[in-house]
Protein backbone atom coordinates (compact mmCIF):
# COMPACT_ATOMS: atom_id res chain seq x y z
CA MET A 1 132.93 57.96 130.88
CA ALA A 2 136.47 58.98 129.81
CA ALA A 3 137.51 62.59 130.26
CA LEU A 4 137.64 64.70 127.13
CA PRO A 5 141.14 65.70 125.96
CA PRO A 6 141.96 69.40 126.48
CA PRO A 7 142.08 71.64 123.38
CA SER A 8 145.30 72.66 121.71
CA GLY A 9 145.31 76.16 123.29
CA PHE A 10 145.56 74.79 126.86
CA SER A 11 148.87 73.63 128.39
CA PRO A 12 150.08 72.89 131.97
CA GLU A 13 153.20 74.98 131.32
CA LEU A 14 151.09 78.10 130.93
CA VAL A 15 149.34 77.36 134.24
CA ASP A 16 152.70 76.94 135.97
CA LYS A 17 153.92 80.28 134.57
CA ALA A 18 150.77 82.06 135.76
CA VAL A 19 151.09 80.62 139.29
CA LYS A 20 154.75 81.60 139.44
CA ALA A 21 153.95 85.16 138.35
CA LEU A 22 151.19 85.54 140.98
CA LEU A 23 153.41 84.27 143.81
CA LYS A 24 156.23 86.57 142.71
CA TRP A 25 153.87 89.57 142.63
CA ARG A 26 152.62 88.78 146.14
CA SER A 27 156.13 88.45 147.57
CA SER A 28 157.12 91.83 146.06
CA LYS A 29 153.94 93.39 147.47
CA LEU A 30 154.68 92.06 150.99
CA ASN A 31 158.19 93.54 150.86
CA THR A 32 156.82 97.02 150.15
CA GLN A 33 153.98 96.87 152.71
CA LYS A 34 154.18 97.15 156.47
CA PRO A 35 154.33 93.80 158.32
CA GLN A 36 150.97 92.64 159.71
CA LEU A 37 150.39 91.44 163.25
CA LEU A 38 148.53 88.30 162.17
CA GLU A 39 149.49 86.27 159.14
CA HIS A 40 146.72 86.04 156.56
CA ASP A 41 146.66 83.01 154.25
CA GLU A 42 145.31 84.24 150.92
CA PHE A 43 143.39 82.13 148.40
CA VAL A 44 144.13 81.57 144.71
CA TYR A 45 141.03 82.00 142.56
CA LEU A 46 140.12 80.45 139.21
CA ILE A 47 137.73 82.51 137.04
CA LEU A 48 135.56 80.59 134.60
CA THR A 49 133.93 82.38 131.64
CA LEU A 50 131.30 80.54 129.61
CA LYS A 51 130.16 81.28 126.07
CA LYS A 52 126.49 81.22 127.06
CA ILE A 53 124.50 81.70 130.27
CA PRO A 54 123.74 78.32 131.91
CA PRO A 55 120.16 77.09 131.45
CA LYS A 56 117.54 77.69 134.13
CA GLY A 57 117.47 74.05 135.17
CA VAL A 58 121.05 74.25 136.56
CA SER A 59 121.02 74.69 140.36
CA ARG A 60 122.71 77.84 141.66
CA ILE A 61 122.41 76.93 145.35
CA ASN A 62 123.92 73.43 145.33
CA ALA A 63 127.61 73.65 144.54
CA HIS A 64 129.40 71.24 142.20
CA LYS A 65 132.16 69.42 144.08
CA ILE A 66 135.43 69.03 142.16
CA PRO A 67 137.98 66.89 144.06
CA LEU A 68 141.45 68.40 144.46
CA PRO A 69 144.74 66.50 145.03
CA TYR A 70 145.66 68.99 147.78
CA PRO A 71 142.52 70.03 149.71
CA LEU A 72 142.05 73.59 150.92
CA THR A 73 140.80 72.51 154.35
CA ASN A 74 142.15 69.25 155.75
CA PRO A 75 140.42 68.20 158.99
CA LEU A 76 143.21 65.72 159.80
CA THR A 77 146.10 68.20 159.78
CA GLU A 78 144.18 71.38 160.61
CA ALA A 79 141.39 72.22 163.04
CA PRO A 80 138.81 74.05 160.91
CA GLU A 81 135.64 75.45 162.41
CA LEU A 82 132.74 73.57 160.80
CA CYS A 83 129.05 74.23 161.40
CA LEU A 84 126.15 71.86 160.68
CA ILE A 85 122.53 73.01 160.20
CA ILE A 86 120.01 70.23 160.86
CA ASP A 87 116.30 69.84 160.24
CA ASP A 88 114.50 69.57 163.60
CA ARG A 89 110.97 69.66 162.24
CA PRO A 90 108.62 66.89 163.44
CA LYS A 91 108.59 65.04 160.11
CA SER A 92 112.39 64.84 159.85
CA GLY A 93 112.81 62.46 162.81
CA LEU A 94 116.12 64.10 163.84
CA ASN A 95 116.99 66.24 166.87
CA LYS A 96 120.10 67.93 168.22
CA ASP A 97 120.97 65.22 170.74
CA ALA A 98 120.86 62.44 168.15
CA ALA A 99 123.07 64.47 165.82
CA LYS A 100 125.64 65.07 168.60
CA LYS A 101 125.84 61.35 169.39
CA LYS A 102 126.34 60.51 165.71
CA ILE A 103 129.14 63.10 165.37
CA GLN A 104 130.96 61.87 168.49
CA ASN A 105 130.72 58.21 167.51
CA ASP A 106 132.02 58.77 163.95
CA ASN A 107 134.64 61.31 165.05
CA ILE A 108 133.37 63.99 162.64
CA PRO A 109 135.13 67.39 163.05
CA ILE A 110 131.91 69.42 163.54
CA SER A 111 132.26 72.17 166.14
CA LYS A 112 128.72 73.61 166.11
CA ILE A 113 125.18 72.28 165.46
CA ILE A 114 122.37 74.77 164.72
CA LYS A 115 118.73 73.81 164.45
CA ILE A 116 116.63 75.30 161.63
CA SER A 117 114.09 76.60 164.18
CA LYS A 118 116.85 78.47 166.07
CA LEU A 119 118.20 79.89 162.82
CA LYS A 120 114.76 81.42 162.15
CA THR A 121 114.44 83.11 165.55
CA ASP A 122 117.93 83.91 166.89
CA TYR A 123 119.66 84.90 163.64
CA ARG A 124 117.07 87.22 162.18
CA PRO A 125 119.03 90.55 162.58
CA PHE A 126 121.70 91.39 160.02
CA GLU A 127 124.45 91.70 162.63
CA ALA A 128 123.73 88.19 163.94
CA LYS A 129 123.94 86.77 160.41
CA ARG A 130 127.25 88.56 159.78
CA LYS A 131 128.78 87.21 163.02
CA LEU A 132 127.62 83.70 162.20
CA CYS A 133 129.20 83.92 158.74
CA ASP A 134 132.56 85.07 160.13
CA SER A 135 132.65 82.54 162.98
CA TYR A 136 133.09 79.37 160.90
CA ASP A 137 135.20 78.25 157.95
CA MET A 138 132.59 76.03 156.29
CA PHE A 139 128.88 75.34 156.69
CA PHE A 140 126.97 72.12 156.06
CA ALA A 141 123.19 71.75 155.90
CA ASP A 142 120.67 68.96 155.70
CA LYS A 143 119.46 68.39 152.16
CA ARG A 144 115.83 68.92 153.24
CA VAL A 145 116.38 72.52 154.47
CA VAL A 146 118.66 73.83 151.71
CA PRO A 147 115.80 75.54 149.74
CA LEU A 148 114.88 77.54 152.90
CA LEU A 149 118.39 78.84 153.61
CA PRO A 150 118.85 81.73 151.12
CA LYS A 151 116.17 83.86 152.83
CA MET A 152 117.32 82.93 156.36
CA LEU A 153 121.06 83.46 155.85
CA GLY A 154 121.02 86.64 153.76
CA LYS A 155 123.44 88.03 151.19
CA GLN A 156 126.53 87.96 153.44
CA PHE A 157 126.95 84.20 152.97
CA PHE A 158 126.68 84.54 149.18
CA LYS A 159 129.21 87.39 149.07
CA LYS A 160 131.86 85.45 151.00
CA LYS A 161 131.12 82.18 149.16
CA LYS A 162 130.11 80.41 152.38
CA ILE A 163 126.88 78.90 151.14
CA PRO A 164 126.21 75.71 153.17
CA MET A 165 127.15 72.43 151.51
CA THR A 166 124.38 69.86 151.13
CA VAL A 167 124.64 66.72 153.21
CA ASP A 168 122.12 63.88 153.07
CA LEU A 169 121.60 63.12 156.77
CA LYS A 170 119.21 60.24 155.99
CA HIS A 171 122.24 58.13 155.11
CA SER A 172 124.71 56.98 157.75
CA ASN A 173 127.91 58.02 155.88
CA TRP A 174 128.10 61.56 157.32
CA LYS A 175 131.87 61.47 157.70
CA GLU A 176 132.51 60.48 154.07
CA GLN A 177 130.29 63.26 152.76
CA ILE A 178 131.91 65.94 154.95
CA ASP A 179 135.47 64.78 154.16
CA LYS A 180 134.69 64.81 150.44
CA ALA A 181 133.29 68.36 150.64
CA CYS A 182 136.33 69.58 152.59
CA GLY A 183 138.70 68.12 149.98
CA SER A 184 136.89 69.57 146.95
CA ALA A 185 136.71 72.88 145.15
CA LEU A 186 133.18 74.28 145.06
CA LEU A 187 131.77 75.62 141.81
CA PHE A 188 128.59 77.71 141.94
CA LEU A 189 127.23 78.43 138.47
CA ARG A 190 125.85 81.96 138.60
CA THR A 191 123.11 83.72 136.63
CA GLY A 192 125.74 85.15 134.27
CA THR A 193 128.62 83.71 132.28
CA CYS A 194 131.36 84.24 134.91
CA SER A 195 131.97 82.08 138.00
CA VAL A 196 134.77 82.09 140.59
CA MET A 197 136.12 79.22 142.69
CA LYS A 198 138.95 78.74 145.20
CA VAL A 199 141.64 76.35 143.98
CA GLY A 200 144.56 76.90 146.35
CA ARG A 201 146.22 78.82 149.15
CA VAL A 202 149.30 81.04 148.99
CA SER A 203 150.90 78.96 151.76
CA MET A 204 151.00 75.95 149.38
CA SER A 205 153.94 75.30 147.09
CA ARG A 206 153.89 76.26 143.41
CA GLU A 207 153.58 72.64 142.26
CA GLU A 208 150.64 71.96 144.58
CA ILE A 209 148.74 75.02 143.37
CA SER A 210 149.43 74.13 139.73
CA LYS A 211 148.14 70.57 140.22
CA ASN A 212 145.01 71.88 141.94
CA VAL A 213 144.38 74.29 139.06
CA MET A 214 144.77 71.52 136.48
CA ALA A 215 142.40 69.23 138.41
CA ALA A 216 139.84 72.05 138.76
CA ILE A 217 139.96 72.90 135.03
CA ASN A 218 139.51 69.27 134.00
CA GLY A 219 136.66 68.82 136.48
CA ILE A 220 134.89 71.98 135.23
CA ALA A 221 135.16 70.77 131.63
CA GLU A 222 133.17 67.65 132.60
CA ILE A 223 130.45 69.58 134.50
CA VAL A 224 129.80 72.58 132.27
CA PRO A 225 127.19 72.24 129.44
CA ARG A 226 128.80 71.41 126.06
CA LYS A 227 132.06 70.51 127.90
CA TRP A 228 135.06 72.33 126.36
CA GLY A 229 132.82 73.72 123.62
CA GLY A 230 130.94 75.86 126.16
CA ILE A 231 134.04 77.35 127.83
CA ARG A 232 135.34 80.71 126.63
CA SER A 233 138.29 81.30 128.97
CA PHE A 234 140.06 80.54 132.28
CA HIS A 235 141.92 83.15 134.38
CA LEU A 236 143.98 82.90 137.58
CA LYS A 237 144.19 85.68 140.15
CA LEU A 238 144.70 86.61 143.78
CA LEU A 239 142.36 88.87 145.71
CA ASP A 240 144.03 92.16 144.66
CA SER A 241 146.03 91.09 141.60
CA LEU A 242 145.32 91.16 137.91
CA ALA A 243 143.68 88.16 136.26
CA LEU A 244 146.22 86.21 134.22
CA PRO A 245 144.83 84.25 131.23
CA VAL A 246 145.39 80.51 131.26
CA TYR A 247 143.14 79.43 128.40
CA GLN A 248 141.29 81.34 125.67
CA ALA A 249 138.95 79.65 123.19
CA VAL A 250 139.26 80.39 119.49
CA PRO A 251 136.29 82.38 118.09
CA ASP A 252 133.64 80.31 116.30
CA PHE A 253 133.78 82.27 113.03
CA LYS A 254 133.73 80.09 109.92
CA LEU A 255 136.18 81.48 107.36
CA LYS A 256 134.98 81.14 103.76
CA ILE A 257 138.27 80.73 101.91
CA ASP A 258 137.20 78.26 99.21
CA GLY A 259 134.63 79.15 96.63
CA GLY A 260 135.71 82.77 96.17
CA ALA A 261 135.75 82.50 92.38
CA LYS A 262 132.31 80.90 92.39
CA GLU A 263 130.90 83.72 94.46
CA GLN A 264 132.35 86.29 92.05
CA GLU A 265 130.77 84.48 89.11
CA LYS A 266 127.40 84.49 90.87
CA VAL A 267 127.69 88.21 91.54
CA GLU A 268 128.58 88.91 87.92
CA GLU A 269 125.62 86.84 86.68
CA GLU A 270 123.27 88.74 88.99
CA GLU A 271 124.60 92.06 87.69
CA GLU A 272 124.11 90.95 84.09
CA ASN A 273 120.55 89.87 84.82
CA LYS A 274 119.86 93.24 86.42
CA VAL A 275 121.25 95.04 83.35
CA LYS A 276 119.08 92.94 81.04
CA GLU A 277 116.00 93.67 83.09
CA GLY A 278 116.86 97.36 83.00
CA GLU A 279 117.12 97.30 79.20
CA VAL A 280 113.76 95.59 78.86
CA GLY A 281 112.24 98.19 81.13
CA LYS A 282 113.71 100.98 79.02
CA LYS A 283 112.20 99.50 75.87
CA LYS A 284 108.80 99.28 77.49
CA GLY A 285 108.96 102.85 78.77
CA ARG A 286 110.46 104.41 75.59
CA ILE A 287 108.60 107.40 74.11
CA HIS A 288 107.62 106.54 70.55
CA GLU A 289 107.75 109.17 67.83
CA VAL A 290 104.27 110.35 66.86
CA ARG A 291 103.83 111.01 63.20
CA TYR A 292 101.29 113.64 62.34
CA MET A 293 99.40 113.80 59.06
CA ASP A 294 101.99 113.34 56.38
CA ASN A 295 101.34 115.80 53.53
CA ASN A 296 103.53 114.04 51.01
CA ASP A 297 100.82 111.64 49.83
CA ASP A 298 98.24 114.39 49.77
CA ASN A 299 100.58 116.66 47.85
CA GLU A 300 101.24 114.01 45.26
CA ASP A 301 97.49 113.52 44.75
CA GLY A 302 97.06 117.25 44.65
CA GLN A 303 99.77 117.64 42.07
CA VAL A 304 98.16 115.01 39.87
CA ALA A 305 94.75 116.65 40.13
CA ASP A 306 96.12 120.13 39.52
CA GLU A 307 98.15 118.95 36.63
CA GLY A 308 95.07 117.33 35.18
CA GLU A 309 92.91 120.40 35.69
CA LEU A 310 95.38 123.31 35.38
CA GLY A 311 98.04 121.66 33.27
CA SER A 312 101.03 122.80 35.41
CA GLY A 313 102.72 121.95 38.77
CA PHE A 314 103.02 125.58 39.91
CA GLU A 315 99.70 125.57 41.71
CA GLY A 316 100.72 122.38 43.56
CA ASP A 317 103.62 124.24 45.13
CA ILE A 318 101.23 126.93 46.28
CA ASP A 319 99.04 124.29 47.94
CA ASN A 320 102.08 122.91 49.81
CA HIS A 321 103.04 126.33 51.11
CA ALA A 322 99.46 126.96 52.13
CA ALA A 323 99.35 123.72 54.15
CA ALA A 324 102.59 124.65 55.92
CA ASP A 325 101.16 128.10 56.68
CA VAL A 326 98.01 126.48 58.09
CA GLU A 327 100.10 124.27 60.35
CA ASN A 328 102.18 127.22 61.54
CA GLY A 329 99.03 129.18 62.10
CA SER A 330 97.46 126.40 64.18
CA ASP A 331 100.60 126.25 66.36
CA GLU A 332 100.48 130.00 66.90
CA LEU A 333 96.80 129.80 67.84
CA LEU A 334 97.50 127.08 70.37
CA ASN A 335 100.30 129.12 71.93
CA LYS A 336 98.05 132.17 72.11
CA LYS A 337 95.28 130.18 73.78
CA ARG A 338 97.71 128.84 76.35
CA LYS A 339 98.96 132.32 77.09
CA MET A 340 95.41 133.57 77.34
CA GLY A 341 94.57 130.77 79.75
CA ASP A 342 97.61 131.58 81.87
CA ASN A 343 96.75 135.26 81.83
CA LYS A 344 93.15 134.45 82.79
CA GLY A 345 94.33 132.38 85.74
CA LYS A 346 96.67 135.16 86.83
CA GLY A 347 93.96 137.74 86.34
CA GLU A 348 91.51 135.79 88.47
CA LYS A 349 94.07 135.50 91.25
CA ASN A 350 94.81 139.22 91.07
CA VAL A 351 91.10 140.05 91.16
CA ALA A 352 90.65 137.89 94.26
CA LYS A 353 93.58 139.64 95.96
CA LEU A 354 92.16 143.06 95.07
CA LYS A 355 88.75 142.09 96.43
CA LYS A 356 90.29 141.03 99.71
CA GLU A 357 92.30 144.25 99.97
CA ASP A 358 89.17 146.32 99.19
CA GLY A 359 87.27 144.45 101.88
CA PHE A 360 89.97 145.19 104.46
CA LYS A 361 90.05 148.85 103.45
CA GLN A 362 86.27 149.16 103.71
CA LYS A 363 86.31 147.62 107.18
CA LYS A 364 89.03 150.05 108.28
CA ALA A 365 87.09 153.00 106.87
CA ASN A 366 83.90 151.88 108.61
CA ASN A 367 85.73 151.49 111.92
CA GLU A 368 87.25 154.97 111.53
CA ASP A 369 83.82 156.46 110.77
CA VAL A 370 82.35 154.82 113.88
CA THR A 371 85.12 156.22 116.10
CA VAL A 372 84.69 159.73 114.60
CA GLN A 373 80.94 159.62 115.18
CA LYS A 374 81.45 158.54 118.80
CA LYS A 375 83.86 161.45 119.36
CA LEU A 376 81.40 163.92 117.84
CA LYS A 377 78.59 162.66 120.07
CA LYS A 378 80.78 163.08 123.11
CA ASN A 379 81.64 166.64 122.09
CA ASP A 380 77.98 167.48 121.49
CA LEU A 381 77.04 166.16 124.89
CA ALA A 382 79.82 168.18 126.51
CA LEU A 383 78.64 171.37 124.73
CA GLU A 384 75.04 170.76 125.70
CA SER A 385 75.97 170.26 129.32
CA GLY A 386 78.02 173.46 129.23
CA GLU A 387 75.16 175.46 127.75
CA MET A 388 72.78 174.11 130.35
CA GLN A 389 75.14 175.15 133.11
CA VAL A 390 75.41 178.67 131.73
CA LYS A 391 71.62 179.02 131.56
CA HIS A 392 71.28 177.74 135.11
CA ASN A 393 73.79 180.27 136.36
CA LYS A 394 71.96 183.12 134.61
CA LYS A 395 68.69 182.08 136.27
CA LYS A 396 70.36 182.12 139.68
CA LYS A 397 71.70 185.61 139.08
CA ARG A 398 68.27 186.84 138.06
CA LEU A 399 66.60 185.42 141.11
CA ALA A 400 69.30 186.87 143.29
CA ALA A 401 68.78 190.33 141.77
């Protein structure tokens, strides 16, 4: 399958500028700092930001291997410390001695072999796990024991990005698998949208780092869901530097430029329809004028009758005035009745208030009477006791005499 072409916003020149700026920043930082006893080769990191969180089916333990033109660890030129974790359970059919013979015969640069049973017992304390993590550059593990490793190794391996690489020890091509892992960048898709991977060393030249970054970006675009459509941005950084943007996706907003006049016409039509509906509603809810008994027809009949009986229209005018007076009188009566009703309601409320006040006053008066009576009884008892004492004293005096 052919690789997808990069989008228009991504260019190798921008990557080269970012790498140049990071190396320049590091050189200026080393000039201002005190010289260190041991030289420390720093890594260059590529930060991937996705538009959406990867689906649950994507493995977060097994790393995706992206081959680099200039590998970070080269077993031929360097002497890296590599550790292999094997499955020594009875069903696996592999032991430590057989693994050592295979490594020596194929000339595989493995410096330490750890059995899964020893990892359970000897590396249980946190300090032992930390020392094991710092002792080796890379870790490899048999494919059959990889699901058991996260609990055995602890969080220190995940923090330092030293999760063991999977190796299928059932096959005989151990050397090819280990060499391929050493010459690749490792991408672990996390539970969020951001992931970090090592793409170069500061000791490399600017061209080598730039080529590694380009190879890593193209390899990520083939692995990630939706390819370039699922990538939001790429950034380059060192351990303590700022993250320099290398690629930024254009937002997915669809601009509605055409059809503006049509939308305005639709809005105007909706407003007109609303106005029409409002007018219809007003007509339905309009208060109609109520015509009371019209006296004109009656007056005309009355005039004819009076003229026939009395022979003049003077009495007809009197009848008209009388009808008007009757109407005015009926209005006055209605107003008086309303006022009387209001006054009655107010009067009833006032009467209820007065009754309540009278009730409270009567209770207070009764309570006061009770207290007065109690005081009087006490006084009477005191007087009676005093009189009895006086009489008793008089009797004593008489007996004494």
